[in-house]
Amino acid sequence: MLTIQMVKDLIEKKDTKIATVTFIKADGSQRTVNGLFKPTSKMIGSDKGIAQGEAMKARGQVPIWSLQEKSWKSFMLDKVLEIK
């Protein structure tokens, strides 16, 4: 498992590039998501979308736009196994 600071640093490095994140879900299973941490404004949608993203960050969740599912996913900073 990566440290929280390592995860933050890797996310910052990715900026607007596609990332592959492998993490442990709340139910204990593993998930891998290919997506973007900094989406375009049309992916966020509205003020409600921005507010949801901020609420997730406040809880320690990191939102990521899944390219495959075309929807938002999230993970906890302390549950990340790998970011490529």
N, C-alpha and C. Protein backbone atom coordinates (compact mmCIF):
# COMPACT_ATOMS: atom_id res chain seq x y z
N MET A 1 0.86 -1.18 0.00
CA MET A 1 0.00 0.00 0.00
C MET A 1 0.90 1.23 0.00
N LEU A 2 0.50 2.23 -0.78
CA LEU A 2 1.25 3.49 -0.84
C LEU A 2 0.87 4.38 0.34
N THR A 3 1.79 5.26 0.73
CA THR A 3 1.46 6.22 1.78
C THR A 3 0.57 7.31 1.20
N ILE A 4 -0.14 8.01 2.07
CA ILE A 4 -1.02 9.09 1.64
C ILE A 4 -0.23 10.15 0.88
N GLN A 5 0.95 10.50 1.38
CA GLN A 5 1.76 11.52 0.70
C GLN A 5 2.22 11.05 -0.67
N MET A 6 2.58 9.78 -0.80
CA MET A 6 2.98 9.24 -2.10
C MET A 6 1.82 9.33 -3.09
N VAL A 7 0.63 8.99 -2.62
CA VAL A 7 -0.56 9.05 -3.49
C VAL A 7 -0.81 10.49 -3.94
N LYS A 8 -0.75 11.44 -3.01
CA LYS A 8 -0.96 12.85 -3.36
C LYS A 8 0.07 13.31 -4.38
N ASP A 9 1.32 12.93 -4.19
CA ASP A 9 2.39 13.32 -5.11
C ASP A 9 2.16 12.73 -6.51
N LEU A 10 1.77 11.45 -6.57
CA LEU A 10 1.54 10.80 -7.86
C LEU A 10 0.34 11.43 -8.59
N ILE A 11 -0.69 11.77 -7.85
CA ILE A 11 -1.86 12.43 -8.45
C ILE A 11 -1.45 13.78 -9.01
N GLU A 12 -0.68 14.53 -8.25
CA GLU A 12 -0.22 15.84 -8.70
C GLU A 12 0.63 15.72 -9.97
N LYS A 13 1.48 14.71 -10.04
CA LYS A 13 2.33 14.49 -11.22
C LYS A 13 1.50 14.17 -12.46
N LYS A 14 0.41 13.44 -12.28
CA LYS A 14 -0.43 13.05 -13.42
C LYS A 14 -1.10 14.25 -14.06
N ASP A 15 -1.44 15.24 -13.27
CA ASP A 15 -2.08 16.46 -13.74
C ASP A 15 -3.27 16.12 -14.64
N THR A 16 -3.20 16.39 -15.95
CA THR A 16 -4.33 16.11 -16.84
C THR A 16 -4.12 14.84 -17.67
N LYS A 17 -3.09 14.06 -17.35
CA LYS A 17 -2.84 12.82 -18.09
C LYS A 17 -3.67 11.67 -17.52
N ILE A 18 -3.91 10.67 -18.35
CA ILE A 18 -4.67 9.49 -17.94
C ILE A 18 -3.88 8.70 -16.91
N ALA A 19 -4.56 8.26 -15.87
CA ALA A 19 -3.95 7.49 -14.79
C ALA A 19 -4.65 6.15 -14.66
N THR A 20 -3.90 5.15 -14.21
CA THR A 20 -4.47 3.85 -13.85
C THR A 20 -4.24 3.67 -12.36
N VAL A 21 -5.34 3.56 -11.61
CA VAL A 21 -5.26 3.47 -10.16
C VAL A 21 -5.82 2.12 -9.72
N THR A 22 -5.04 1.42 -8.90
CA THR A 22 -5.51 0.18 -8.30
C THR A 22 -5.64 0.44 -6.80
N PHE A 23 -6.83 0.12 -6.26
CA PHE A 23 -7.10 0.42 -4.85
C PHE A 23 -8.01 -0.64 -4.25
N ILE A 24 -8.12 -0.60 -2.93
CA ILE A 24 -9.00 -1.50 -2.19
C ILE A 24 -10.32 -0.78 -1.93
N LYS A 25 -11.42 -1.39 -2.35
CA LYS A 25 -12.76 -0.82 -2.15
C LYS A 25 -13.19 -1.01 -0.70
N ALA A 26 -14.27 -0.36 -0.32
CA ALA A 26 -14.79 -0.44 1.05
C ALA A 26 -15.15 -1.87 1.45
N ASP A 27 -15.56 -2.69 0.45
CA ASP A 27 -15.93 -4.08 0.77
C ASP A 27 -14.72 -5.01 0.82
N GLY A 28 -13.50 -4.45 0.62
CA GLY A 28 -12.29 -5.25 0.70
C GLY A 28 -11.80 -5.80 -0.63
N SER A 29 -12.61 -5.67 -1.67
CA SER A 29 -12.19 -6.15 -2.99
C SER A 29 -11.29 -5.11 -3.66
N GLN A 30 -10.62 -5.54 -4.70
CA GLN A 30 -9.68 -4.67 -5.42
C GLN A 30 -10.32 -4.16 -6.70
N ARG A 31 -10.06 -2.90 -7.04
CA ARG A 31 -10.58 -2.31 -8.27
C ARG A 31 -9.46 -1.54 -8.96
N THR A 32 -9.49 -1.57 -10.29
CA THR A 32 -8.57 -0.77 -11.10
C THR A 32 -9.41 0.13 -11.99
N VAL A 33 -9.06 1.42 -11.99
CA VAL A 33 -9.79 2.41 -12.78
C VAL A 33 -8.79 3.17 -13.65
N ASN A 34 -9.11 3.28 -14.94
CA ASN A 34 -8.37 4.16 -15.86
C ASN A 34 -9.18 5.44 -15.97
N GLY A 35 -8.55 6.57 -15.68
CA GLY A 35 -9.31 7.79 -15.75
C GLY A 35 -8.50 9.04 -15.58
N LEU A 36 -9.21 10.11 -15.29
CA LEU A 36 -8.62 11.44 -15.17
C LEU A 36 -8.94 12.05 -13.81
N PHE A 37 -7.93 12.68 -13.20
CA PHE A 37 -8.14 13.39 -11.93
C PHE A 37 -8.61 14.81 -12.17
N LYS A 38 -8.21 15.41 -13.28
CA LYS A 38 -8.58 16.79 -13.60
C LYS A 38 -9.40 16.77 -14.88
N PRO A 39 -10.69 16.56 -14.74
CA PRO A 39 -11.56 16.47 -15.92
C PRO A 39 -11.87 17.83 -16.51
N THR A 40 -12.41 17.81 -17.71
CA THR A 40 -12.85 19.05 -18.34
C THR A 40 -14.14 19.51 -17.66
N SER A 41 -14.49 20.75 -17.85
CA SER A 41 -15.65 21.32 -17.17
C SER A 41 -16.95 20.62 -17.54
N LYS A 42 -17.07 20.11 -18.77
CA LYS A 42 -18.32 19.46 -19.13
C LYS A 42 -18.51 18.12 -18.43
N MET A 43 -17.43 17.51 -17.90
CA MET A 43 -17.56 16.27 -17.13
C MET A 43 -18.10 16.56 -15.74
N ILE A 44 -17.74 17.72 -15.18
CA ILE A 44 -18.21 18.08 -13.85
C ILE A 44 -19.69 18.37 -13.89
N GLY A 45 -20.12 19.05 -14.93
CA GLY A 45 -21.54 19.31 -15.11
C GLY A 45 -21.99 20.62 -14.55
N SER A 46 -22.29 20.66 -13.28
CA SER A 46 -22.92 21.85 -12.69
C SER A 46 -22.26 22.20 -11.36
N ASP A 47 -22.83 23.20 -10.71
CA ASP A 47 -22.37 23.57 -9.37
C ASP A 47 -22.54 22.39 -8.41
N LYS A 48 -23.59 21.59 -8.63
CA LYS A 48 -23.83 20.42 -7.79
C LYS A 48 -22.67 19.43 -7.93
N GLY A 49 -22.19 19.24 -9.15
CA GLY A 49 -21.07 18.34 -9.38
C GLY A 49 -19.81 18.83 -8.69
N ILE A 50 -19.58 20.13 -8.74
CA ILE A 50 -18.42 20.71 -8.07
C ILE A 50 -18.55 20.51 -6.55
N ALA A 51 -19.73 20.74 -6.01
CA ALA A 51 -19.96 20.58 -4.57
C ALA A 51 -19.76 19.13 -4.14
N GLN A 52 -20.21 18.18 -4.96
CA GLN A 52 -20.02 16.77 -4.64
C GLN A 52 -18.54 16.43 -4.60
N GLY A 53 -17.78 16.94 -5.56
CA GLY A 53 -16.34 16.70 -5.59
C GLY A 53 -15.65 17.24 -4.35
N GLU A 54 -16.04 18.43 -3.93
CA GLU A 54 -15.44 19.03 -2.73
C GLU A 54 -15.81 18.24 -1.48
N ALA A 55 -17.04 17.74 -1.40
CA ALA A 55 -17.46 16.93 -0.25
C ALA A 55 -16.67 15.63 -0.19
N MET A 56 -16.42 15.03 -1.34
CA MET A 56 -15.63 13.80 -1.39
C MET A 56 -14.21 14.06 -0.89
N LYS A 57 -13.61 15.15 -1.34
CA LYS A 57 -12.25 15.49 -0.91
C LYS A 57 -12.19 15.71 0.59
N ALA A 58 -13.22 16.34 1.15
CA ALA A 58 -13.26 16.59 2.59
C ALA A 58 -13.30 15.29 3.40
N ARG A 59 -13.86 14.24 2.81
CA ARG A 59 -13.92 12.94 3.48
C ARG A 59 -12.67 12.09 3.22
N GLY A 60 -11.72 12.64 2.47
CA GLY A 60 -10.50 11.90 2.16
C GLY A 60 -10.61 11.04 0.92
N GLN A 61 -11.69 11.24 0.16
CA GLN A 61 -11.87 10.50 -1.09
C GLN A 61 -11.26 11.29 -2.24
N VAL A 62 -10.78 10.56 -3.24
CA VAL A 62 -10.25 11.19 -4.44
C VAL A 62 -11.17 10.83 -5.60
N PRO A 63 -11.80 11.82 -6.23
CA PRO A 63 -12.65 11.53 -7.39
C PRO A 63 -11.80 11.29 -8.63
N ILE A 64 -12.22 10.33 -9.45
CA ILE A 64 -11.56 10.06 -10.72
C ILE A 64 -12.63 9.75 -11.75
N TRP A 65 -12.51 10.36 -12.94
CA TRP A 65 -13.46 10.14 -14.02
C TRP A 65 -13.05 8.88 -14.76
N SER A 66 -13.86 7.83 -14.67
CA SER A 66 -13.57 6.56 -15.34
C SER A 66 -13.86 6.70 -16.82
N LEU A 67 -12.83 6.52 -17.64
CA LEU A 67 -13.00 6.62 -19.09
C LEU A 67 -13.85 5.48 -19.63
N GLN A 68 -13.68 4.30 -19.08
CA GLN A 68 -14.43 3.13 -19.55
C GLN A 68 -15.91 3.24 -19.22
N GLU A 69 -16.21 3.62 -17.98
CA GLU A 69 -17.61 3.67 -17.53
C GLU A 69 -18.27 5.03 -17.76
N LYS A 70 -17.46 6.02 -18.13
CA LYS A 70 -17.96 7.38 -18.33
C LYS A 70 -18.77 7.87 -17.13
N SER A 71 -18.18 7.66 -15.95
CA SER A 71 -18.81 8.10 -14.71
C SER A 71 -17.74 8.32 -13.65
N TRP A 72 -18.15 9.00 -12.58
CA TRP A 72 -17.23 9.27 -11.48
C TRP A 72 -17.08 8.05 -10.59
N LYS A 73 -15.86 7.80 -10.18
CA LYS A 73 -15.52 6.79 -9.18
C LYS A 73 -14.71 7.54 -8.13
N SER A 74 -14.47 6.91 -7.01
CA SER A 74 -13.61 7.53 -6.01
C SER A 74 -12.91 6.46 -5.20
N PHE A 75 -11.84 6.88 -4.55
CA PHE A 75 -11.10 5.97 -3.69
C PHE A 75 -10.56 6.77 -2.52
N MET A 76 -10.22 6.05 -1.45
CA MET A 76 -9.64 6.67 -0.27
C MET A 76 -8.13 6.74 -0.44
N LEU A 77 -7.54 7.82 0.00
CA LEU A 77 -6.10 8.02 -0.13
C LEU A 77 -5.28 6.90 0.50
N ASP A 78 -5.79 6.34 1.60
CA ASP A 78 -5.02 5.33 2.33
C ASP A 78 -5.28 3.90 1.85
N LYS A 79 -5.98 3.73 0.72
CA LYS A 79 -6.29 2.38 0.20
C LYS A 79 -5.70 2.13 -1.17
N VAL A 80 -4.77 2.97 -1.62
CA VAL A 80 -4.19 2.86 -2.95
C VAL A 80 -3.02 1.87 -2.96
N LEU A 81 -3.07 0.94 -3.91
CA LEU A 81 -1.99 -0.02 -4.08
C LEU A 81 -0.99 0.46 -5.12
N GLU A 82 -1.50 1.12 -6.18
CA GLU A 82 -0.63 1.53 -7.28
C GLU A 82 -1.28 2.62 -8.12
N ILE A 83 -0.46 3.54 -8.61
CA ILE A 83 -0.90 4.54 -9.60
C ILE A 83 0.13 4.53 -10.71
N LYS A 84 -0.36 4.33 -11.94
CA LYS A 84 0.53 4.37 -13.11
C LYS A 84 0.11 5.50 -14.01
